Amino acid sequence: MNIKETVNQFARSFDQVESIVQALPFAVVLTNKKRVIQYYNSMFEKIVRENQAGLVHHFLDDVIKKDLDHIQAGTNIHLNSHDRSFVMRTELAYIHGEEHNIYLFSSIKELEDLLHVNREKSELLETVMELAYDGIVIVDENGYITMLSKEYGDFIGVDPKEAIGKHVTDIIENTRMHEVAKSGKVEIADLQKINGDYMIATRVPIIRNGEIKGAVGRVLFKNVGDFNSLYKRVNAIEKELKKYKGEFKEQNKAAYTFLHIIGKSKAINLAKSEAERAALSDSSILLLGESGTGKELFAHSIHHASKRSNGSFVKINCAAIPADLLESELFGYEEGSFTGAKKGGKKGKFEAADGGTIFLDEIGELPLHMQVKFLRVLQEKEVEKIGSTSTKKIDVRIIAATNRNLEEMIDKGEFRLDLYYRLNVVSIHIPSLRERDNDLSILSRYFIDKLNKLMDKRVQGLTKEAENKLYHYQWPGNIRELENVMERAMNLVHSNDKMIDINHLSEKLLSKNETKEIIPLSDLMEQTEKEALQSALLFTKGNRSKAAKLLKVSRTTFYEKLSKYELM
């Protein structure tokens, strides 16, 4: 099987195609034979006209402001106002029987934005893969190779077609591809020793619908001498870098997207829709919801979907830091400003988030005296370090979150009204697990699948008795509590058990004497009616006709009730 056959085979899988092109640092443009643009990727859009669209049907020469009749492939060119050189390469391709040109503009750059491509563009992917300088490998969720580029195969002395179907550790030395396919964590610019030299490796998990499908990796093996020099320098200053490792991770850990938010209920889809729209602006966002609902996950996703996604994502928990240290953490300090201040001073969280996003969790716990200083940052867009006589302008997007009722706190004088207005430009309610009809089973299934991989078990699901217990529990801890319950249950099941039963659940879920608040009788009747409808649907696996018969009501009445309680 040659490289074209290999690429065609895997181009049929949208999941893998998307991740392959995501790992390539090229701007890709597809034109007809008259050089009229038919398709382009997000990398090309960033290079020629950032944050704008509508390049399709434009003459490529006009877009890049170059006369391509007088430029040969492989020539270094400058594109528009960017002070960077790009090597242009071109390839003739026949797509659906028609002649097209594929242009690649490449520069030395790290992983870029996700490239969306469909199955019909497999011909485009094929040519891009043949033009790629670097080594590319794809593995499935178990670490078995499904694709190896010709360049990579030549470098390690392996025939790509013979590598397919073998475990990646048997083909590539010191690889971590199987670990990324298991953990789902991105690894960028990692040093990997191959053939006695250190290479730069980037590994990205393939995630679809919240599930890890495999991983794609890219290894830079050109200019090996330069990489080895870099390795020696990094190794020499490793001790110094360790001091900043924690801070670096804190500033750059927006690792989740909206794809990681699991659920299909009306409530969660509404919250996601609002968050996706809010991500497009720079306005402050206030995330409201109970503990364990996933407010931090939403904050990560909003940052990742925003135009600030390449900037830092800095998180600070206002409830976890002592009040006397909070000011120095947020705003930083100058050298010698107080006893114990480290030499050279320290950059605050706001300054560290400059150009990116700062996530202030538990904002309701912010002391009143700090609220005044925080308000100034929002109003003036500047910070002043402790011990400094000057201020510094910053450009930061604010996302705050709380599980408290800020309006009640305002009435009690515990939270400033003017700060509330500054934060509450866009407020998004993150629904509790009780509000997310039918998401409980989806989330349970997700956690079971996730834990099966981590624990090497083969649990298929929940028994009806266990599912019923989960369904009637109030879930005060929401998704965080559900994950804890599922992990406990998975630890208790035997290796040969196929189902989670009630004896695997915690005693708290099995208790019949759970304390509940007193609610009006009318509300209780509606709640009972709604739960009966949900239980019937759960018991009949969503068959509405059977559910109506089970409740002994007409189909018309049943559908009216479903509509009333928004269970359609």
Protein backbone atom coordinates (compact mmCIF):
# COMPACT_ATOMS: atom_id res chain seq x y z
CA MET A 1 0.00 0.00 0.00
CA ASN A 2 1.58 3.35 -1.06
CA ILE A 3 1.11 6.69 0.72
CA LYS A 4 -1.87 7.70 -1.45
CA GLU A 5 -3.69 4.44 -0.70
CA THR A 6 -2.92 4.86 3.01
CA VAL A 7 -4.26 8.40 3.12
CA ASN A 8 -7.36 7.50 1.09
CA GLN A 9 -8.12 4.69 3.51
CA PHE A 10 -8.10 6.96 6.53
CA ALA A 11 -9.57 10.01 4.85
CA ARG A 12 -12.88 8.13 4.99
CA SER A 13 -12.85 8.61 8.74
CA PHE A 14 -13.81 12.20 9.55
CA ASP A 15 -12.44 11.93 13.08
CA GLN A 16 -8.96 11.02 11.92
CA VAL A 17 -8.93 13.40 8.93
CA GLU A 18 -9.80 16.32 11.18
CA SER A 19 -6.97 15.53 13.59
CA ILE A 20 -4.42 14.87 10.82
CA VAL A 21 -4.92 18.28 9.29
CA GLN A 22 -5.05 19.89 12.73
CA ALA A 23 -1.49 18.68 13.36
CA LEU A 24 -0.11 20.13 10.11
CA PRO A 25 1.35 23.66 10.39
CA PHE A 26 0.40 24.63 6.84
CA ALA A 27 -1.90 27.20 5.30
CA VAL A 28 -3.83 25.24 2.66
CA VAL A 29 -5.74 26.73 -0.29
CA LEU A 30 -7.66 24.87 -3.00
CA THR A 31 -8.36 26.75 -6.27
CA ASN A 32 -9.71 25.90 -9.68
CA LYS A 33 -7.34 26.03 -12.65
CA LYS A 34 -7.96 29.81 -12.93
CA ARG A 35 -6.74 30.26 -9.33
CA VAL A 36 -10.19 31.16 -7.98
CA ILE A 37 -10.37 30.03 -4.35
CA GLN A 38 -12.67 27.05 -3.71
CA TYR A 39 -11.57 26.14 -0.21
CA TYR A 40 -9.07 27.30 2.42
CA ASN A 41 -8.21 26.43 5.99
CA SER A 42 -8.26 28.58 9.11
CA MET A 43 -4.45 28.89 9.07
CA PHE A 44 -4.61 30.63 5.68
CA GLU A 45 -7.35 32.94 6.93
CA LYS A 46 -5.22 33.93 9.92
CA ILE A 47 -2.27 34.73 7.68
CA VAL A 48 -4.01 36.89 5.09
CA ARG A 49 -7.03 38.37 6.81
CA GLU A 50 -7.45 37.58 10.49
CA ASN A 51 -10.99 37.29 11.94
CA GLN A 52 -12.59 37.79 8.50
CA ALA A 53 -14.24 35.33 6.19
CA GLY A 54 -15.54 35.24 2.64
CA LEU A 55 -12.39 34.42 0.67
CA VAL A 56 -14.11 31.73 -1.40
CA HIS A 57 -14.59 32.75 -5.08
CA HIS A 58 -11.84 35.40 -4.76
CA PHE A 59 -8.81 35.37 -7.06
CA LEU A 60 -5.90 33.98 -5.03
CA ASP A 61 -3.43 36.48 -6.51
CA ASP A 62 -5.61 39.35 -5.25
CA VAL A 63 -5.92 37.88 -1.77
CA ILE A 64 -2.17 37.41 -1.22
CA LYS A 65 -1.27 40.46 -3.35
CA LYS A 66 1.17 38.46 -5.47
CA ASP A 67 1.32 37.62 -9.17
CA LEU A 68 1.67 33.84 -9.05
CA ASP A 69 2.49 33.67 -12.76
CA HIS A 70 5.90 35.07 -11.83
CA ILE A 71 6.52 33.10 -8.63
CA GLN A 72 7.93 29.60 -8.67
CA ALA A 73 7.05 26.91 -6.17
CA GLY A 74 9.51 26.81 -3.27
CA THR A 75 10.07 30.55 -3.34
CA ASN A 76 10.10 32.53 -0.06
CA ILE A 77 7.37 35.17 -0.13
CA HIS A 78 5.85 37.70 2.30
CA LEU A 79 2.07 37.68 2.69
CA ASN A 80 0.28 41.00 3.27
CA SER A 81 1.43 42.94 6.36
CA HIS A 82 2.88 39.94 8.21
CA ASP A 83 6.62 40.28 8.69
CA ARG A 84 7.17 36.58 8.15
CA SER A 85 8.35 34.49 5.23
CA PHE A 86 6.32 31.63 3.85
CA VAL A 87 7.46 28.94 1.45
CA MET A 88 4.85 28.39 -1.23
CA ARG A 89 4.36 24.94 -2.67
CA THR A 90 1.78 23.85 -5.21
CA GLU A 91 0.40 20.58 -6.54
CA LEU A 92 -1.98 19.71 -9.35
CA ALA A 93 -4.98 17.64 -8.22
CA TYR A 94 -8.07 16.17 -9.86
CA ILE A 95 -11.15 16.41 -7.65
CA HIS A 96 -14.39 14.95 -8.97
CA GLY A 97 -12.67 14.76 -12.37
CA GLU A 98 -11.87 18.47 -12.55
CA GLU A 99 -8.42 20.08 -12.52
CA HIS A 100 -7.58 21.99 -9.33
CA ASN A 101 -4.49 23.52 -7.72
CA ILE A 102 -3.50 23.02 -4.11
CA TYR A 103 -1.28 25.70 -2.56
CA LEU A 104 0.59 25.27 0.72
CA PHE A 105 2.15 28.20 2.54
CA SER A 106 4.37 26.90 5.34
CA SER A 107 6.39 28.50 8.11
CA ILE A 108 8.06 27.18 11.28
CA LYS A 109 5.20 27.32 13.73
CA GLU A 110 3.55 25.34 16.50
CA LEU A 111 0.22 23.60 16.33
CA GLU A 112 -2.48 25.90 14.83
CA ASP A 113 -6.28 26.08 14.92
CA LEU A 114 -8.45 23.10 14.09
CA LEU A 115 -8.93 22.46 10.35
CA HIS A 116 -12.44 21.33 9.47
CA VAL A 117 -12.55 19.06 6.43
CA ASN A 118 -15.11 16.50 5.21
CA ARG A 119 -14.87 13.19 3.43
CA GLU A 120 -15.23 14.75 -0.02
CA LYS A 121 -11.90 16.57 0.52
CA SER A 122 -9.88 13.37 0.88
CA GLU A 123 -8.04 14.22 -2.36
CA LEU A 124 -6.91 17.50 -0.77
CA LEU A 125 -5.71 15.68 2.36
CA GLU A 126 -3.83 13.16 0.24
CA THR A 127 -1.77 15.86 -1.48
CA VAL A 128 -1.15 17.74 1.77
CA MET A 129 0.18 14.57 3.39
CA GLU A 130 2.56 13.94 0.49
CA LEU A 131 3.92 17.49 0.78
CA ALA A 132 4.40 17.30 4.58
CA TYR A 133 8.02 17.57 5.70
CA ASP A 134 7.47 16.04 9.12
CA GLY A 135 6.74 12.58 10.44
CA ILE A 136 3.08 11.83 11.17
CA VAL A 137 1.62 8.81 12.94
CA ILE A 138 -1.95 7.95 13.95
CA VAL A 139 -2.98 5.34 16.52
CA ASP A 140 -6.34 4.03 17.69
CA GLU A 141 -7.55 4.17 21.28
CA ASN A 142 -5.49 1.07 22.14
CA GLY A 143 -2.23 2.40 20.69
CA TYR A 144 -2.22 0.39 17.45
CA ILE A 145 -0.96 2.22 14.36
CA THR A 146 -3.59 3.08 11.74
CA MET A 147 -1.40 5.37 9.64
CA LEU A 148 2.32 6.19 9.30
CA SER A 149 3.56 8.80 6.83
CA LYS A 150 6.20 7.87 4.27
CA GLU A 151 8.60 10.51 5.66
CA TYR A 152 8.34 9.00 9.15
CA GLY A 153 8.74 5.48 7.82
CA ASP A 154 11.87 6.43 5.86
CA PHE A 155 13.35 8.13 8.91
CA ILE A 156 12.95 5.15 11.25
CA GLY A 157 13.58 2.56 8.54
CA VAL A 158 10.11 1.02 8.50
CA ASP A 159 7.74 0.35 5.61
CA PRO A 160 4.53 2.29 6.51
CA LYS A 161 2.25 -0.46 5.21
CA GLU A 162 3.98 -3.03 7.43
CA ALA A 163 3.61 -0.78 10.48
CA ILE A 164 -0.19 -0.60 10.21
CA GLY A 165 -1.89 -2.82 12.78
CA LYS A 166 1.15 -3.06 15.04
CA HIS A 167 1.42 -1.46 18.47
CA VAL A 168 3.18 1.89 18.29
CA THR A 169 5.72 0.88 20.97
CA ASP A 170 6.91 -1.93 18.67
CA ILE A 171 7.62 0.51 15.83
CA ILE A 172 8.68 3.85 17.37
CA GLU A 173 11.14 4.04 20.25
CA ASN A 174 10.40 6.14 23.33
CA THR A 175 6.94 6.98 22.03
CA ARG A 176 4.08 8.19 24.23
CA MET A 177 1.37 7.99 21.58
CA HIS A 178 -0.40 5.13 23.37
CA GLU A 179 -0.36 7.13 26.62
CA VAL A 180 -1.99 10.15 24.95
CA ALA A 181 -4.61 7.87 23.37
CA LYS A 182 -5.38 6.62 26.89
CA SER A 183 -5.23 9.87 28.89
CA GLY A 184 -6.66 12.28 26.32
CA LYS A 185 -4.10 14.94 27.30
CA VAL A 186 -2.31 17.06 24.70
CA GLU A 187 1.51 16.96 24.68
CA ILE A 188 3.22 19.78 22.79
CA ALA A 189 6.94 20.17 21.98
CA ASP A 190 8.03 17.11 23.96
CA LEU A 191 11.60 15.84 23.50
CA GLN A 192 11.67 12.28 22.16
CA LYS A 193 14.88 10.33 21.54
CA ILE A 194 14.83 8.50 18.18
CA ASN A 195 17.84 6.93 16.45
CA GLY A 196 20.11 8.42 19.11
CA ASP A 197 18.95 12.01 18.62
CA TYR A 198 16.34 14.15 20.36
CA MET A 199 13.35 15.19 18.25
CA ILE A 200 10.47 17.58 18.92
CA ALA A 201 7.21 15.64 19.23
CA THR A 202 3.63 16.89 19.46
CA ARG A 203 0.81 14.50 20.34
CA VAL A 204 -2.91 15.30 20.21
CA PRO A 205 -5.81 13.03 21.26
CA ILE A 206 -8.63 12.39 18.79
CA ILE A 207 -11.83 13.25 20.68
CA ARG A 208 -15.35 13.00 19.27
CA ASN A 209 -18.53 13.37 21.30
CA GLY A 210 -16.49 13.36 24.48
CA GLU A 211 -14.84 10.00 23.73
CA ILE A 212 -11.16 9.37 22.96
CA LYS A 213 -10.87 7.66 19.58
CA GLY A 214 -7.09 7.60 19.32
CA ALA A 215 -4.24 10.09 18.85
CA VAL A 216 -2.25 11.79 16.11
CA GLY A 217 1.42 12.70 16.49
CA ARG A 218 3.90 14.84 14.60
CA VAL A 219 7.68 14.59 14.95
CA LEU A 220 10.11 17.21 13.63
CA PHE A 221 13.26 15.41 12.53
CA LYS A 222 14.74 18.08 10.25
CA ASN A 223 17.67 20.16 11.55
CA VAL A 224 18.52 17.55 14.15
CA GLY A 225 21.67 19.40 15.17
CA ASP A 226 19.65 22.46 16.14
CA PHE A 227 17.27 20.33 18.19
CA ASN A 228 20.15 18.71 20.05
CA SER A 229 21.64 22.11 20.86
CA LEU A 230 18.25 23.16 22.17
CA TYR A 231 18.04 20.02 24.29
CA LYS A 232 21.43 20.70 25.88
CA ARG A 233 20.40 24.24 26.75
CA VAL A 234 17.10 23.08 28.22
CA ASN A 235 18.84 20.39 30.23
CA ALA A 236 21.33 22.93 31.63
CA ILE A 237 18.63 25.22 33.02
CA GLU A 238 16.16 22.50 34.03
CA LYS A 239 16.47 23.24 37.77
CA GLU A 240 15.64 26.90 37.26
CA LEU A 241 12.66 26.11 35.04
CA LYS A 242 11.13 23.82 37.67
CA LYS A 243 10.38 26.84 39.84
CA TYR A 244 8.10 28.23 37.17
CA LYS A 245 6.57 24.97 36.00
CA GLY A 246 3.53 25.23 38.26
CA GLU A 247 2.89 28.85 37.30
CA PHE A 248 3.27 28.07 33.60
CA LYS A 249 0.73 25.26 33.79
CA GLU A 250 -1.65 27.50 35.72
CA GLN A 251 -1.49 30.14 33.02
CA ASN A 252 -1.87 27.83 30.06
CA LYS A 253 -4.25 25.05 30.98
CA ALA A 254 -7.45 25.78 29.04
CA ALA A 255 -7.55 22.19 27.88
CA TYR A 256 -11.31 21.73 27.43
CA THR A 257 -13.74 22.68 24.69
CA PHE A 258 -17.51 22.57 24.28
CA LEU A 259 -17.08 19.00 22.96
CA HIS A 260 -16.19 17.96 26.51
CA ILE A 261 -19.57 19.12 27.86
CA ILE A 262 -21.62 15.92 27.82
CA GLY A 263 -25.42 15.89 27.63
CA LYS A 264 -28.43 16.35 25.36
CA SER A 265 -31.01 17.90 27.68
CA LYS A 266 -32.72 21.16 26.83
CA ALA A 267 -31.18 22.82 29.89
CA ILE A 268 -27.55 21.97 29.09
CA ASN A 269 -27.98 22.74 25.38
CA LEU A 270 -29.36 26.17 26.28
CA ALA A 271 -26.37 26.87 28.54
CA LYS A 272 -23.93 25.71 25.84
CA SER A 273 -25.66 27.83 23.21
CA GLU A 274 -25.48 30.93 25.41
CA ALA A 275 -21.82 30.25 26.23
CA GLU A 276 -20.89 29.74 22.57
CA ARG A 277 -22.44 33.09 21.66
CA ALA A 278 -20.80 34.83 24.63
CA ALA A 279 -17.39 33.45 23.60
CA LEU A 280 -17.50 35.61 20.46
CA SER A 281 -17.25 38.87 22.42
CA ASP A 282 -14.92 40.29 25.06
CA SER A 283 -17.67 41.08 27.59
CA SER A 284 -17.43 39.90 31.19
CA ILE A 285 -19.26 36.66 31.92
CA LEU A 286 -20.81 35.51 35.20
CA LEU A 287 -21.37 31.75 35.50
CA LEU A 288 -24.07 30.88 38.03
CA GLY A 289 -24.79 27.42 39.35
CA GLU A 290 -24.50 24.96 42.20
CA SER A 291 -21.22 23.32 43.18
CA GLY A 292 -20.20 20.50 40.88
CA THR A 293 -22.23 21.59 37.85
CA GLY A 294 -19.19 22.23 35.65
CA LYS A 295 -18.71 26.00 35.79
CA GLU A 296 -14.96 25.69 35.33
CA LEU A 297 -15.48 23.41 32.32
CA PHE A 298 -17.65 26.14 30.78
CA ALA A 299 -14.96 28.76 31.51
CA HIS A 300 -12.32 26.65 29.75
CA SER A 301 -14.63 26.10 26.77
CA ILE A 302 -15.50 29.79 26.42
CA HIS A 303 -11.82 30.76 26.43
CA HIS A 304 -10.97 28.03 23.92
CA ALA A 305 -13.73 29.21 21.54
CA SER A 306 -12.83 32.90 21.84
CA LYS A 307 -10.40 35.02 19.84
CA ARG A 308 -8.18 34.91 22.95
CA SER A 309 -7.66 31.15 22.70
CA ASN A 310 -3.96 31.60 21.92
CA GLY A 311 -3.53 33.71 25.06
CA SER A 312 -3.18 32.56 28.66
CA PHE A 313 -6.03 31.07 30.65
CA VAL A 314 -5.39 31.91 34.31
CA LYS A 315 -7.56 30.51 37.09
CA ILE A 316 -7.75 31.73 40.67
CA ASN A 317 -10.05 30.40 43.39
CA CYS A 318 -11.06 33.35 45.56
CA ALA A 319 -12.13 31.02 48.38
CA ALA A 320 -8.91 28.99 48.48
CA ILE A 321 -6.43 31.84 49.06
CA PRO A 322 -6.18 33.58 52.47
CA ALA A 323 -7.44 37.16 52.39
CA ASP A 324 -4.02 38.59 53.35
CA LEU A 325 -2.40 36.86 50.35
CA LEU A 326 -5.14 37.44 47.81
CA GLU A 327 -4.03 40.96 46.85
CA SER A 328 -0.45 39.90 46.08
CA GLU A 329 -1.74 36.91 44.09
CA LEU A 330 -4.09 39.03 41.99
CA PHE A 331 -1.97 42.14 41.48
CA GLY A 332 1.62 41.04 42.22
CA TYR A 333 4.26 42.94 44.17
CA GLU A 334 7.55 44.76 43.76
CA GLU A 335 10.84 43.60 45.27
CA GLY A 336 11.17 44.66 48.91
CA SER A 337 7.53 45.74 49.21
CA PHE A 338 7.07 43.58 52.34
CA THR A 339 8.93 41.09 54.49
CA GLY A 340 9.35 37.86 52.57
CA ALA A 341 8.89 39.45 49.13
CA LYS A 342 11.11 37.54 46.74
CA LYS A 343 13.90 39.16 44.78
CA GLY A 344 12.70 40.72 41.57
CA GLY A 345 9.10 40.86 42.76
CA LYS A 346 6.26 38.80 41.36
CA LYS A 347 3.80 39.14 38.52
CA GLY A 348 0.14 39.01 39.58
CA LYS A 349 -2.56 36.83 38.04
CA PHE A 350 -4.11 39.74 36.15
CA GLU A 351 -0.79 40.63 34.55
CA ALA A 352 -0.12 36.97 33.77
CA ALA A 353 -3.48 36.81 31.96
CA ASP A 354 -2.72 39.88 29.81
CA GLY A 355 -3.97 39.16 26.30
CA GLY A 356 -5.96 36.17 27.53
CA THR A 357 -8.64 35.24 30.06
CA ILE A 358 -8.74 35.20 33.85
CA PHE A 359 -11.23 32.88 35.55
CA LEU A 360 -12.24 33.99 39.04
CA ASP A 361 -13.92 31.03 40.70
CA GLU A 362 -15.99 31.54 43.87
CA ILE A 363 -16.18 35.31 43.23
CA GLY A 364 -18.77 35.56 46.00
CA GLU A 365 -15.99 34.89 48.53
CA LEU A 366 -14.01 37.99 47.50
CA PRO A 367 -13.54 40.26 50.58
CA LEU A 368 -15.14 43.72 50.38
CA HIS A 369 -11.83 45.60 50.48
CA MET A 370 -10.61 43.51 47.54
CA GLN A 371 -13.84 44.13 45.65
CA VAL A 372 -12.96 47.86 45.51
CA LYS A 373 -9.54 47.16 43.97
CA PHE A 374 -10.98 44.58 41.63
CA LEU A 375 -13.58 47.09 40.44
CA ARG A 376 -10.80 49.51 39.50
CA VAL A 377 -9.19 46.85 37.30
CA LEU A 378 -12.47 46.37 35.45
CA GLN A 379 -13.07 50.10 35.04
CA GLU A 380 -9.56 51.37 34.29
CA LYS A 381 -8.11 48.24 32.62
CA GLU A 382 -4.93 48.63 34.66
CA VAL A 383 -3.24 47.05 37.68
CA GLU A 384 -0.91 48.38 40.36
CA LYS A 385 1.49 46.01 42.10
CA ILE A 386 1.93 46.15 45.87
CA GLY A 387 4.79 48.56 46.57
CA SER A 388 4.62 50.17 43.12
CA THR A 389 3.97 53.84 42.35
CA SER A 390 2.87 53.20 38.77
CA THR A 391 0.15 51.25 37.02
CA LYS A 392 0.25 48.94 34.03
CA LYS A 393 -2.40 48.68 31.34
CA ILE A 394 -3.75 45.18 30.77
CA ASP A 395 -6.07 43.54 28.27
CA VAL A 396 -7.92 40.75 30.07
CA ARG A 397 -11.26 39.03 29.56
CA ILE A 398 -13.07 38.31 32.86
CA ILE A 399 -15.02 35.12 33.54
CA ALA A 400 -16.33 34.83 37.10
CA ALA A 401 -18.29 32.03 38.74
CA THR A 402 -20.21 31.53 41.97
CA ASN A 403 -22.67 29.19 43.62
CA ARG A 404 -23.99 31.98 45.86
CA ASN A 405 -26.89 34.38 45.38
CA LEU A 406 -25.04 37.64 44.75
CA GLU A 407 -28.25 39.71 44.81
CA GLU A 408 -28.96 38.53 48.36
CA MET A 409 -25.36 39.32 49.29
CA ILE A 410 -25.82 42.85 47.88
CA ASP A 411 -28.92 43.33 50.07
CA LYS A 412 -26.87 42.25 53.10
CA GLY A 413 -23.98 44.56 52.20
CA GLU A 414 -21.64 41.65 51.48
CA PHE A 415 -21.14 42.34 47.78
CA ARG A 416 -20.81 45.63 45.90
CA LEU A 417 -23.63 46.51 43.52
CA ASP A 418 -21.32 48.35 41.09
CA LEU A 419 -19.01 45.32 40.88
CA TYR A 420 -22.01 43.07 40.30
CA TYR A 421 -23.06 45.18 37.31
CA ARG A 422 -19.53 45.04 35.89
CA LEU A 423 -19.39 41.25 36.19
CA ASN A 424 -22.96 40.48 35.21
CA VAL A 425 -22.78 41.73 31.61
CA VAL A 426 -23.53 38.21 30.38
CA SER A 427 -24.84 35.75 32.97
CA ILE A 428 -25.17 32.06 32.17
CA HIS A 429 -27.02 29.61 34.39
CA ILE A 430 -25.29 26.24 34.53
CA PRO A 431 -28.08 23.75 35.28
CA SER A 432 -27.92 21.32 38.16
CA LEU A 433 -28.09 17.60 37.47
CA ARG A 434 -31.70 17.63 38.71
CA GLU A 435 -32.61 20.06 35.91
CA ARG A 436 -30.96 17.97 33.19
CA ASP A 437 -33.67 15.48 32.24
CA ASN A 438 -32.29 12.24 30.75
CA ASP A 439 -28.66 13.43 31.03
CA LEU A 440 -28.09 11.24 34.08
CA SER A 441 -27.98 8.06 32.00
CA ILE A 442 -25.74 9.70 29.36
CA LEU A 443 -23.28 10.93 31.98
CA SER A 444 -23.31 7.59 33.80
CA ARG A 445 -22.50 5.82 30.54
CA TYR A 446 -19.71 8.33 29.84
CA PHE A 447 -18.09 7.79 33.24
CA ILE A 448 -18.39 4.00 32.95
CA ASP A 449 -16.65 4.04 29.54
CA LYS A 450 -13.97 6.39 30.83
CA LEU A 451 -13.31 4.29 33.95
CA ASN A 452 -13.35 1.03 31.96
CA LYS A 453 -10.30 2.28 30.06
CA LEU A 454 -8.53 3.55 33.17
CA MET A 455 -9.22 0.41 35.22
CA ASP A 456 -9.07 -2.13 32.39
CA LYS A 457 -12.59 -3.40 33.12
CA ARG A 458 -15.51 -4.40 30.89
CA VAL A 459 -18.55 -3.03 32.74
CA GLN A 460 -21.47 -2.64 30.33
CA GLY A 461 -23.81 -0.48 32.40
CA LEU A 462 -26.18 -0.29 35.36
CA THR A 463 -28.85 -2.71 36.47
CA LYS A 464 -32.39 -1.32 36.50
CA GLU A 465 -32.35 -1.27 40.30
CA ALA A 466 -29.11 0.72 40.40
CA GLU A 467 -30.31 3.05 37.65
CA ASN A 468 -33.53 3.66 39.55
CA LYS A 469 -31.59 4.56 42.73
CA LEU A 470 -29.47 7.05 40.81
CA TYR A 471 -32.54 8.55 39.17
CA HIS A 472 -34.39 9.24 42.43
CA TYR A 473 -31.38 10.66 44.26
CA GLN A 474 -31.30 14.48 44.59
CA TRP A 475 -27.59 14.91 43.63
CA PRO A 476 -26.64 17.92 45.79
CA GLY A 477 -23.06 17.54 44.52
CA ASN A 478 -24.20 17.34 40.89
CA ILE A 479 -21.83 15.94 38.23
CA ARG A 480 -18.82 15.95 40.54
CA GLU A 481 -20.75 13.75 42.97
CA LEU A 482 -21.98 11.48 40.17
CA GLU A 483 -18.41 10.94 38.97
CA ASN A 484 -17.37 10.11 42.54
CA VAL A 485 -20.25 7.62 42.90
CA MET A 486 -19.42 5.93 39.59
CA GLU A 487 -15.71 5.67 40.43
CA ARG A 488 -16.53 4.12 43.81
CA ALA A 489 -18.87 1.63 42.14
CA MET A 490 -16.29 0.73 39.49
CA ASN A 491 -13.75 0.03 42.23
CA LEU A 492 -16.18 -2.36 43.92
CA VAL A 493 -17.22 -4.41 40.87
CA HIS A 494 -15.28 -7.63 40.32
CA SER A 495 -13.24 -8.09 37.17
CA ASN A 496 -15.84 -10.47 35.74
CA ASP A 497 -18.87 -8.30 36.64
CA LYS A 498 -20.70 -6.84 33.66
CA MET A 499 -23.13 -4.53 35.46
CA ILE A 500 -23.09 -2.08 38.37
CA ASP A 501 -25.70 -3.16 40.93
CA ILE A 502 -27.15 -1.41 43.99
CA ASN A 503 -24.67 -3.17 46.28
CA HIS A 504 -21.91 -1.24 44.50
CA LEU A 505 -23.51 2.12 45.30
CA SER A 506 -22.79 4.23 48.37
CA GLU A 507 -25.02 3.99 51.45
CA LYS A 508 -26.06 7.61 50.99
CA LEU A 509 -27.82 6.73 47.73
CA LEU A 510 -29.50 3.71 49.29
CA SER A 511 -30.85 5.63 52.31
CA LYS A 512 -34.63 5.94 52.41
CA ASN A 513 -34.57 8.69 55.05
CA GLU A 514 -32.93 11.44 53.03
CA THR A 515 -33.90 14.84 54.45
CA LYS A 516 -35.79 17.01 51.98
CA GLU A 517 -37.08 20.55 52.27
CA ILE A 518 -40.82 21.17 52.74
CA ILE A 519 -42.39 22.41 49.52
CA PRO A 520 -45.96 23.48 48.65
CA LEU A 521 -48.39 20.64 47.95
CA SER A 522 -49.08 21.86 44.39
CA ASP A 523 -45.37 21.90 43.62
CA LEU A 524 -44.97 18.47 45.17
CA MET A 525 -47.80 17.07 43.03
CA GLU A 526 -46.25 18.50 39.87
CA GLN A 527 -42.85 17.16 40.87
CA THR A 528 -44.33 13.72 41.53
CA GLU A 529 -46.18 13.79 38.20
CA LYS A 530 -43.02 14.78 36.34
CA GLU A 531 -40.99 12.06 38.07
CA ALA A 532 -43.66 9.49 37.17
CA LEU A 533 -43.41 10.49 33.52
CA GLN A 534 -39.62 10.29 33.62
CA SER A 535 -39.65 6.92 35.38
CA ALA A 536 -42.10 5.51 32.83
CA LEU A 537 -39.95 6.70 29.95
CA LEU A 538 -36.86 5.28 31.62
CA PHE A 539 -38.55 1.92 32.27
CA THR A 540 -39.79 1.66 28.66
CA LYS A 541 -36.50 2.92 27.24
CA GLY A 542 -38.17 5.98 25.72
CA ASN A 543 -41.16 4.20 24.15
CA ARG A 544 -43.92 6.77 24.70
CA SER A 545 -46.82 4.52 23.74
CA LYS A 546 -45.76 1.87 26.27
CA ALA A 547 -45.09 4.57 28.87
CA ALA A 548 -48.63 5.96 28.44
CA LYS A 549 -50.11 2.46 28.87
CA LEU A 550 -47.93 1.91 31.93
CA LEU A 551 -49.32 5.08 33.55
CA LYS A 552 -52.86 4.19 32.36
CA VAL A 553 -53.45 7.51 30.58
CA SER A 554 -54.38 8.26 27.00
CA ARG A 555 -51.64 9.10 24.51
CA THR A 556 -53.11 12.60 24.14
CA THR A 557 -52.94 13.23 27.89
CA PHE A 558 -49.47 11.72 28.02
CA TYR A 559 -48.17 14.02 25.29
CA GLU A 560 -49.80 17.05 26.95
CA LYS A 561 -47.96 16.22 30.17
CA LEU A 562 -44.67 15.76 28.31
CA SER A 563 -45.10 19.19 26.74
CA LYS A 564 -46.04 20.78 30.08
CA TYR A 565 -42.89 19.54 31.79
CA GLU A 566 -40.68 20.06 28.71
CA LEU A 567 -39.90 16.36 28.37
CA MET A 568 -40.52 16.15 24.64
